[in-house]
């Protein structure tokens, strides 16, 4: 569970109107090469009550990753991103050169410091 908390600490830093990829979040959380772990963690987020903006994490192609486990609700992520001003092209992709989050190092250091404080 502590690994998931590290992932959530990073995802909480993604600002409205920007996105990060699963791999990017994994790298920033110190989980190099484990983008699927990010997906598993975000799948566990309660969309209605949690403060983790899970919708801002997409795949490396700039697409919403579809899952049969969402029972046809994949469209919710797209709608939430569009509500934040993010545009999709006709192929259903987000222009990562325009919307990808590029945090300064201190933002991630602060997020991970908050994570460590929660452990104490």
Protein backbone atom coordinates (compact mmCIF):
# COMPACT_ATOMS: atom_id res chain seq x y z
CA UNK A 1 0.00 0.00 0.00
CA UNK A 2 2.89 2.37 0.62
CA UNK A 3 3.81 2.09 -3.04
CA UNK A 4 0.31 3.18 -4.00
CA UNK A 5 0.60 6.17 -1.66
CA UNK A 6 3.80 7.23 -3.44
CA UNK A 7 1.94 7.05 -6.74
CA UNK A 8 -0.98 9.06 -5.35
CA UNK A 9 1.44 11.69 -3.97
CA UNK A 10 2.78 12.26 -7.49
CA UNK A 11 -0.64 12.22 -9.18
CA UNK A 12 -1.97 14.81 -6.72
CA UNK A 13 0.62 17.24 -8.11
CA UNK A 14 -0.64 17.10 -11.72
CA UNK A 15 -2.38 20.43 -12.33
CA UNK A 16 -5.78 20.87 -13.87
CA UNK A 17 -5.54 21.00 -17.67
CA UNK A 18 -2.43 18.84 -17.87
CA UNK A 19 -1.77 15.11 -18.08
CA UNK A 20 0.99 12.64 -17.30
CA UNK A 21 1.57 9.17 -18.66
CA UNK A 22 1.56 6.02 -16.54
CA UNK A 23 5.28 5.63 -17.20
CA UNK A 24 6.01 9.22 -16.26
CA UNK A 25 4.17 8.84 -12.95
CA UNK A 26 6.02 5.58 -12.25
CA UNK A 27 9.37 7.23 -12.91
CA UNK A 28 8.56 10.26 -10.74
CA UNK A 29 7.44 7.96 -7.91
CA UNK A 30 10.74 6.08 -8.10
CA UNK A 31 9.14 3.04 -9.70
CA UNK A 32 11.13 2.99 -12.93
CA UNK A 33 9.66 0.66 -15.53
CA UNK A 34 6.44 -0.05 -13.64
CA UNK A 35 3.68 1.86 -15.44
CA UNK A 36 1.22 -1.01 -14.96
CA UNK A 37 1.60 -0.63 -11.22
CA UNK A 38 0.43 2.97 -11.62
CA UNK A 39 -2.60 1.69 -13.51
CA UNK A 40 -3.40 -0.81 -10.76
CA UNK A 41 -3.10 1.90 -8.11
CA UNK A 42 -5.34 4.32 -9.98
CA UNK A 43 -7.93 1.62 -10.59
CA UNK A 44 -8.37 1.46 -6.81
CA UNK A 45 -9.12 5.18 -6.46
CA UNK A 46 -12.71 5.97 -5.50
CA UNK A 47 -13.79 8.39 -8.25
CA UNK A 48 -16.44 10.01 -6.08
CA UNK A 49 -14.60 10.72 -2.85
CA UNK A 50 -10.86 10.58 -3.39
CA UNK A 51 -8.59 13.59 -3.87
CA UNK A 52 -6.40 11.80 -6.42
CA UNK A 53 -7.02 13.26 -9.92
CA UNK A 54 -6.73 9.83 -11.58
CA UNK A 55 -8.25 11.13 -14.81
CA UNK A 56 -5.08 13.10 -15.56
CA UNK A 57 -3.03 9.95 -16.15
CA UNK A 58 -3.13 8.52 -19.67
CA UNK A 59 -1.12 6.09 -21.76
CA UNK A 60 2.07 6.90 -23.66
CA UNK A 61 0.13 7.25 -26.93
CA UNK A 62 -1.85 10.13 -25.45
CA UNK A 63 -5.00 8.05 -25.15
CA UNK A 64 -7.37 7.07 -22.39
CA UNK A 65 -6.57 3.42 -21.64
CA UNK A 66 -9.74 1.41 -21.96
CA UNK A 67 -10.49 -1.37 -19.52
CA UNK A 68 -13.21 -4.02 -19.55
CA UNK A 69 -13.20 -3.74 -15.75
CA UNK A 70 -14.71 -0.25 -15.99
CA UNK A 71 -17.91 -1.75 -17.38
CA UNK A 72 -18.13 0.71 -20.27
CA UNK A 73 -17.38 3.82 -18.22
CA UNK A 74 -14.10 4.72 -19.97
CA UNK A 75 -15.83 7.77 -21.45
CA UNK A 76 -15.95 9.37 -17.99
CA UNK A 77 -12.21 10.01 -18.03
CA UNK A 78 -12.40 11.70 -21.41
CA UNK A 79 -15.33 13.88 -20.31
CA UNK A 80 -13.49 14.91 -17.15
CA UNK A 81 -10.38 15.85 -19.14
CA UNK A 82 -12.43 17.81 -21.69
CA UNK A 83 -14.06 19.67 -18.78
CA UNK A 84 -10.53 20.73 -17.77
CA UNK A 85 -9.93 22.16 -21.25
CA UNK A 86 -7.93 19.28 -22.69
CA UNK A 87 -8.64 18.63 -26.34
CA UNK A 88 -8.64 15.27 -28.09
CA UNK A 89 -7.91 14.93 -31.79
CA UNK A 90 -10.19 12.98 -34.15
CA UNK A 91 -8.28 9.80 -33.33
CA UNK A 92 -9.03 10.20 -29.63
CA UNK A 93 -5.52 11.29 -28.66
CA UNK A 94 -4.21 14.15 -26.57
CA UNK A 95 -1.31 16.20 -27.91
CA UNK A 96 1.34 15.39 -25.31
CA UNK A 97 3.59 18.17 -26.58
CA UNK A 98 0.85 20.59 -25.53
CA UNK A 99 -0.69 19.01 -22.41
CA UNK A 100 2.05 16.86 -20.84
CA UNK A 101 2.92 17.92 -17.31
CA UNK A 102 6.61 18.78 -16.88
CA UNK A 103 7.08 19.38 -13.17
CA UNK A 104 10.12 21.07 -11.71
CA UNK A 105 12.14 18.77 -9.46
CA UNK A 106 11.05 20.59 -6.32
CA UNK A 107 7.38 19.74 -6.94
CA UNK A 108 8.12 16.03 -6.88
CA UNK A 109 10.47 16.39 -3.93
CA UNK A 110 7.69 18.19 -2.03
CA UNK A 111 5.14 15.50 -2.95
CA UNK A 112 7.41 12.70 -1.78
CA UNK A 113 8.22 14.63 1.40
CA UNK A 114 4.49 14.83 2.17
CA UNK A 115 4.26 11.11 1.55
CA UNK A 116 7.06 10.49 4.08
CA UNK A 117 5.33 12.77 6.62
CA UNK A 118 2.19 10.65 6.36
CA UNK A 119 4.28 7.62 7.33
CA UNK A 120 5.41 9.24 10.57
